[in-house]
Amino acid sequence: MSSQQQHQQRQSQITHCIFDMDGLLINTETLYTEITSEILGRYGKKYHFELKAKLMGLREKESAQILVAESGADMTPEEYLHERHLLQLERFPHCVPLPGVMRLIKHLKEAKVPIAVATSSYRKNFELKSMNNQDLFSLFDVIVCGDDPAIKHGKPNPDIFYVARDRLAQHFGQDSILNESCLVFEDSPIGVQAGVNASMSVVWVPDENIGRLYPTLDGPALRLESLEQFDPAFFGLPPFAML
């Protein structure tokens, strides 16, 4: 079982937190898996977690190209995205926060820790996912989506985390924020790599199946099975008991 004792050295003082969304804050990675499995099934193909692991954290056009090429399904990336969008319209409004999420985000908000979402999901999909989860997403100071024009390169490039960092600085009237003062929360290996490439500390919370594919992964300061296990005090943030 993962524990925070895996990493013995105290990290640099953390002042800002940046969260991925899908599969970390809400259960949409499970919905993505169900939707893509259903679509590939129409073409006589199966969706394996080895392929899913390659797609996690990528922007939608890139992930669609890889999916079609590697699955061998007789469809174009555009056809896949169209079929997927129809199913997303039906299912995304029913997504829910994952265990430990509301407690942590409410705690950070009450402790006045600046918090941002940095998701590869495009804005239209973010709106679908967040429409019935405003009690969660209204707590964030900044939301950055994958189709934001300021993001020139997707993960594993660090652009999205730099944009979130700069938007937090702007929101709070700060001249700048040190990369080392930012803590990134991710569920995908490619997202972890992006956080490391941004010179930020990273907490990795992989899905059980993805975790089995990557028993070890270079970069994250901490690996957890759930955000329920996260102790803010480990990174110098206000502990739960103080509020």
Protein backbone atom coordinates (compact mmCIF):
# COMPACT_ATOMS: atom_id res chain seq x y z
CA MET A 1 0.00 0.00 0.00
CA SER A 2 1.32 3.45 -0.91
CA SER A 3 2.13 5.78 1.95
CA GLN A 4 3.59 9.18 2.48
CA GLN A 5 6.52 7.55 4.28
CA GLN A 6 7.82 6.46 0.87
CA HIS A 7 9.40 9.89 0.52
CA GLN A 8 11.41 10.77 3.60
CA GLN A 9 12.72 14.23 2.75
CA ARG A 10 10.47 17.21 3.46
CA GLN A 11 9.69 19.13 0.30
CA SER A 12 10.25 22.82 -0.38
CA GLN A 13 7.59 25.10 1.08
CA ILE A 14 4.45 24.74 -1.02
CA THR A 15 2.21 27.78 -1.41
CA HIS A 16 0.06 26.97 -4.46
CA CYS A 17 -1.71 23.79 -5.64
CA ILE A 18 -2.59 22.80 -9.22
CA PHE A 19 -4.94 19.88 -9.93
CA ASP A 20 -5.55 17.78 -13.00
CA MET A 21 -9.24 16.95 -13.33
CA ASP A 22 -10.20 13.71 -15.08
CA GLY A 23 -9.60 10.67 -12.91
CA LEU A 24 -8.23 12.81 -10.10
CA LEU A 25 -11.03 15.15 -9.04
CA ILE A 26 -13.97 13.45 -10.77
CA ASN A 27 -14.68 9.94 -12.06
CA THR A 28 -14.58 10.86 -15.74
CA GLU A 29 -11.64 8.56 -16.58
CA THR A 30 -13.96 5.67 -15.77
CA LEU A 31 -16.58 7.20 -18.08
CA TYR A 32 -13.96 7.73 -20.82
CA THR A 33 -13.04 4.04 -20.55
CA GLU A 34 -16.67 2.93 -20.78
CA ILE A 35 -17.40 5.22 -23.73
CA THR A 36 -14.30 4.29 -25.72
CA SER A 37 -14.80 0.57 -25.00
CA GLU A 38 -18.37 0.85 -26.30
CA ILE A 39 -17.28 2.62 -29.49
CA LEU A 40 -14.42 0.21 -30.23
CA GLY A 41 -16.79 -2.69 -29.57
CA ARG A 42 -18.92 -1.50 -32.49
CA TYR A 43 -15.87 -2.13 -34.69
CA GLY A 44 -14.98 -5.48 -33.13
CA LYS A 45 -12.08 -4.08 -31.11
CA LYS A 46 -11.23 -4.05 -27.42
CA TYR A 47 -9.88 -1.16 -25.37
CA HIS A 48 -6.89 -2.24 -23.28
CA PHE A 49 -5.39 -0.32 -20.37
CA GLU A 50 -2.00 -0.35 -22.08
CA LEU A 51 -3.50 1.83 -24.81
CA LYS A 52 -5.48 3.92 -22.35
CA ALA A 53 -2.29 4.70 -20.44
CA LYS A 54 -0.81 6.20 -23.62
CA LEU A 55 -3.82 8.45 -24.13
CA MET A 56 -4.31 9.79 -20.61
CA GLY A 57 -3.47 13.48 -20.31
CA LEU A 58 -3.29 14.11 -24.06
CA ARG A 59 -5.44 16.65 -25.85
CA GLU A 60 -8.40 15.15 -27.69
CA LYS A 61 -7.19 15.33 -31.31
CA GLU A 62 -3.84 13.74 -30.50
CA SER A 63 -5.43 11.02 -28.38
CA ALA A 64 -7.99 10.24 -31.12
CA GLN A 65 -5.25 9.83 -33.73
CA ILE A 66 -3.30 7.43 -31.51
CA LEU A 67 -6.42 5.48 -30.54
CA VAL A 68 -7.53 4.88 -34.13
CA ALA A 69 -4.02 4.01 -35.31
CA GLU A 70 -3.23 1.55 -32.52
CA SER A 71 -6.67 -0.04 -32.11
CA GLY A 72 -7.02 -0.84 -35.80
CA ALA A 73 -10.67 0.25 -35.78
CA ASP A 74 -12.05 1.08 -39.24
CA MET A 75 -12.88 4.71 -38.54
CA THR A 76 -11.23 8.10 -38.76
CA PRO A 77 -10.20 10.13 -35.71
CA GLU A 78 -12.99 12.56 -36.60
CA GLU A 79 -15.59 9.78 -36.66
CA TYR A 80 -14.39 8.52 -33.30
CA LEU A 81 -14.58 12.00 -31.77
CA HIS A 82 -18.11 12.47 -33.13
CA GLU A 83 -19.35 9.18 -31.70
CA ARG A 84 -17.60 9.91 -28.43
CA HIS A 85 -19.11 13.37 -28.17
CA LEU A 86 -22.65 11.99 -28.48
CA LEU A 87 -22.04 9.60 -25.58
CA GLN A 88 -20.31 12.29 -23.53
CA LEU A 89 -23.33 14.57 -23.83
CA GLU A 90 -25.37 11.82 -22.22
CA ARG A 91 -22.98 10.70 -19.48
CA PHE A 92 -20.65 13.51 -18.43
CA PRO A 93 -23.34 15.51 -16.59
CA HIS A 94 -23.60 12.56 -14.19
CA CYS A 95 -19.95 12.46 -13.13
CA VAL A 96 -19.14 12.80 -9.42
CA PRO A 97 -16.15 13.79 -7.25
CA LEU A 98 -13.77 11.01 -6.25
CA PRO A 99 -13.15 10.04 -2.59
CA GLY A 100 -11.28 12.63 -0.55
CA VAL A 101 -11.67 15.39 -3.13
CA MET A 102 -14.29 17.59 -1.48
CA ARG A 103 -12.60 17.41 1.91
CA LEU A 104 -9.21 18.43 0.50
CA ILE A 105 -10.41 21.20 -1.81
CA LYS A 106 -12.68 22.71 0.85
CA HIS A 107 -9.79 22.58 3.32
CA LEU A 108 -7.37 24.33 0.96
CA LYS A 109 -9.98 26.98 0.15
CA GLU A 110 -10.68 27.64 3.83
CA ALA A 111 -6.93 27.78 4.48
CA LYS A 112 -6.63 30.40 1.71
CA VAL A 113 -4.22 28.27 -0.33
CA PRO A 114 -4.44 29.33 -4.02
CA ILE A 115 -5.80 26.43 -6.08
CA ALA A 116 -6.17 25.87 -9.83
CA VAL A 117 -7.48 23.22 -12.21
CA ALA A 118 -5.21 22.46 -15.17
CA THR A 119 -6.97 19.95 -17.43
CA SER A 120 -6.28 18.72 -20.95
CA SER A 121 -10.05 18.59 -21.46
CA TYR A 122 -11.36 21.22 -23.81
CA ARG A 123 -13.61 23.93 -22.40
CA LYS A 124 -16.79 22.43 -23.89
CA ASN A 125 -16.15 19.14 -22.08
CA PHE A 126 -15.21 20.91 -18.87
CA GLU A 127 -18.58 22.66 -18.94
CA LEU A 128 -20.36 19.31 -19.33
CA LYS A 129 -18.43 17.74 -16.47
CA SER A 130 -18.74 20.68 -14.11
CA MET A 131 -22.39 21.61 -14.70
CA ASN A 132 -23.62 19.42 -11.84
CA ASN A 133 -20.47 19.77 -9.75
CA GLN A 134 -20.41 23.49 -9.05
CA ASP A 135 -20.04 22.84 -5.32
CA LEU A 136 -16.57 21.56 -6.24
CA PHE A 137 -15.42 23.67 -9.17
CA SER A 138 -16.66 26.98 -7.78
CA LEU A 139 -14.01 26.64 -5.07
CA PHE A 140 -11.11 26.94 -7.53
CA ASP A 141 -9.48 30.30 -8.14
CA VAL A 142 -8.40 29.47 -11.70
CA ILE A 143 -9.54 26.97 -14.35
CA VAL A 144 -7.24 26.25 -17.32
CA CYS A 145 -8.50 23.97 -20.12
CA GLY A 146 -6.57 22.16 -22.82
CA ASP A 147 -7.77 24.38 -25.67
CA ASP A 148 -6.64 27.57 -23.95
CA PRO A 149 -4.74 29.57 -26.61
CA ALA A 150 -1.93 30.26 -24.15
CA ILE A 151 -1.04 26.54 -24.16
CA LYS A 152 1.27 25.96 -27.11
CA HIS A 153 2.16 22.34 -26.37
CA GLY A 154 0.22 19.63 -24.54
CA LYS A 155 1.48 17.30 -21.83
CA PRO A 156 4.19 16.05 -21.23
CA ASN A 157 5.30 19.60 -21.99
CA PRO A 158 4.88 21.82 -18.92
CA ASP A 159 2.93 24.61 -20.67
CA ILE A 160 -0.42 24.00 -18.98
CA PHE A 161 1.12 24.17 -15.51
CA TYR A 162 3.00 27.36 -16.37
CA VAL A 163 -0.25 28.92 -17.58
CA ALA A 164 -2.03 27.87 -14.37
CA ARG A 165 0.84 29.25 -12.28
CA ASP A 166 0.76 32.59 -14.08
CA ARG A 167 -3.04 32.85 -13.87
CA LEU A 168 -2.86 32.23 -10.12
CA ALA A 169 -0.26 34.97 -9.79
CA GLN A 170 -2.48 37.33 -11.78
CA HIS A 171 -5.58 36.38 -9.77
CA PHE A 172 -3.88 37.13 -6.47
CA GLY A 173 -1.94 40.18 -7.67
CA GLN A 174 1.46 38.53 -7.38
CA ASP A 175 4.38 39.42 -9.62
CA SER A 176 5.40 35.78 -9.98
CA ILE A 177 5.27 32.36 -8.33
CA LEU A 178 8.24 30.04 -7.98
CA ASN A 179 7.82 26.70 -9.73
CA GLU A 180 9.22 25.02 -6.63
CA SER A 181 6.36 26.51 -4.59
CA CYS A 182 3.72 24.74 -6.70
CA LEU A 183 2.35 21.29 -5.94
CA VAL A 184 0.81 19.41 -8.88
CA PHE A 185 -1.74 16.61 -8.40
CA GLU A 186 -1.98 14.13 -11.30
CA ASP A 187 -3.36 10.71 -12.11
CA SER A 188 -1.63 10.03 -15.46
CA PRO A 189 2.04 9.18 -16.09
CA ILE A 190 2.22 11.81 -18.84
CA GLY A 191 0.78 14.40 -16.45
CA VAL A 192 3.37 13.49 -13.84
CA GLN A 193 6.07 14.00 -16.45
CA ALA A 194 4.62 17.42 -17.33
CA GLY A 195 4.67 18.45 -13.67
CA VAL A 196 8.26 17.28 -13.28
CA ASN A 197 9.20 19.11 -16.49
CA ALA A 198 7.71 22.25 -14.91
CA SER A 199 10.10 21.82 -11.94
CA MET A 200 7.12 21.45 -9.61
CA SER A 201 6.56 18.84 -6.90
CA VAL A 202 4.07 16.18 -8.00
CA VAL A 203 1.61 13.97 -6.14
CA TRP A 204 0.63 10.98 -8.28
CA VAL A 205 -2.73 9.30 -7.66
CA PRO A 206 -3.03 6.62 -10.37
CA ASP A 207 -6.02 4.46 -11.13
CA GLU A 208 -5.49 0.93 -9.83
CA ASN A 209 -5.10 -0.50 -13.35
CA ILE A 210 -2.69 2.24 -14.46
CA GLY A 211 -0.75 1.81 -11.23
CA ARG A 212 -0.21 -1.87 -12.03
CA LEU A 213 1.22 -0.94 -15.43
CA TYR A 214 3.63 1.47 -13.74
CA PRO A 215 4.78 -0.13 -10.46
CA THR A 216 7.51 2.51 -10.37
CA LEU A 217 7.61 5.93 -11.99
CA ASP A 218 10.39 8.50 -11.84
CA GLY A 219 9.48 11.98 -10.75
CA PRO A 220 6.60 12.15 -8.29
CA ALA A 221 7.43 13.21 -4.75
CA LEU A 222 4.55 11.09 -3.53
CA ARG A 223 2.36 8.25 -4.81
CA LEU A 224 -1.06 7.64 -3.26
CA GLU A 225 -3.95 5.29 -3.92
CA SER A 226 -6.52 8.02 -3.19
CA LEU A 227 -6.66 11.68 -2.24
CA GLU A 228 -8.18 10.42 1.00
CA GLN A 229 -4.61 9.56 1.98
CA PHE A 230 -3.17 13.01 1.35
CA ASP A 231 -1.80 14.86 4.38
CA PRO A 232 -1.36 18.59 3.62
CA ALA A 233 1.17 18.96 6.45
CA PHE A 234 3.60 16.68 4.59
CA PHE A 235 4.22 19.55 2.17
CA GLY A 236 4.05 22.32 4.76
CA LEU A 237 0.43 23.18 4.01
CA PRO A 238 -2.03 23.86 6.86
CA PRO A 239 -2.98 20.50 8.40
CA PHE A 240 -6.58 19.35 8.48
CA ALA A 241 -6.72 19.55 12.26
CA MET A 242 -5.93 23.27 12.32
CA LEU A 243 -9.21 24.35 10.72
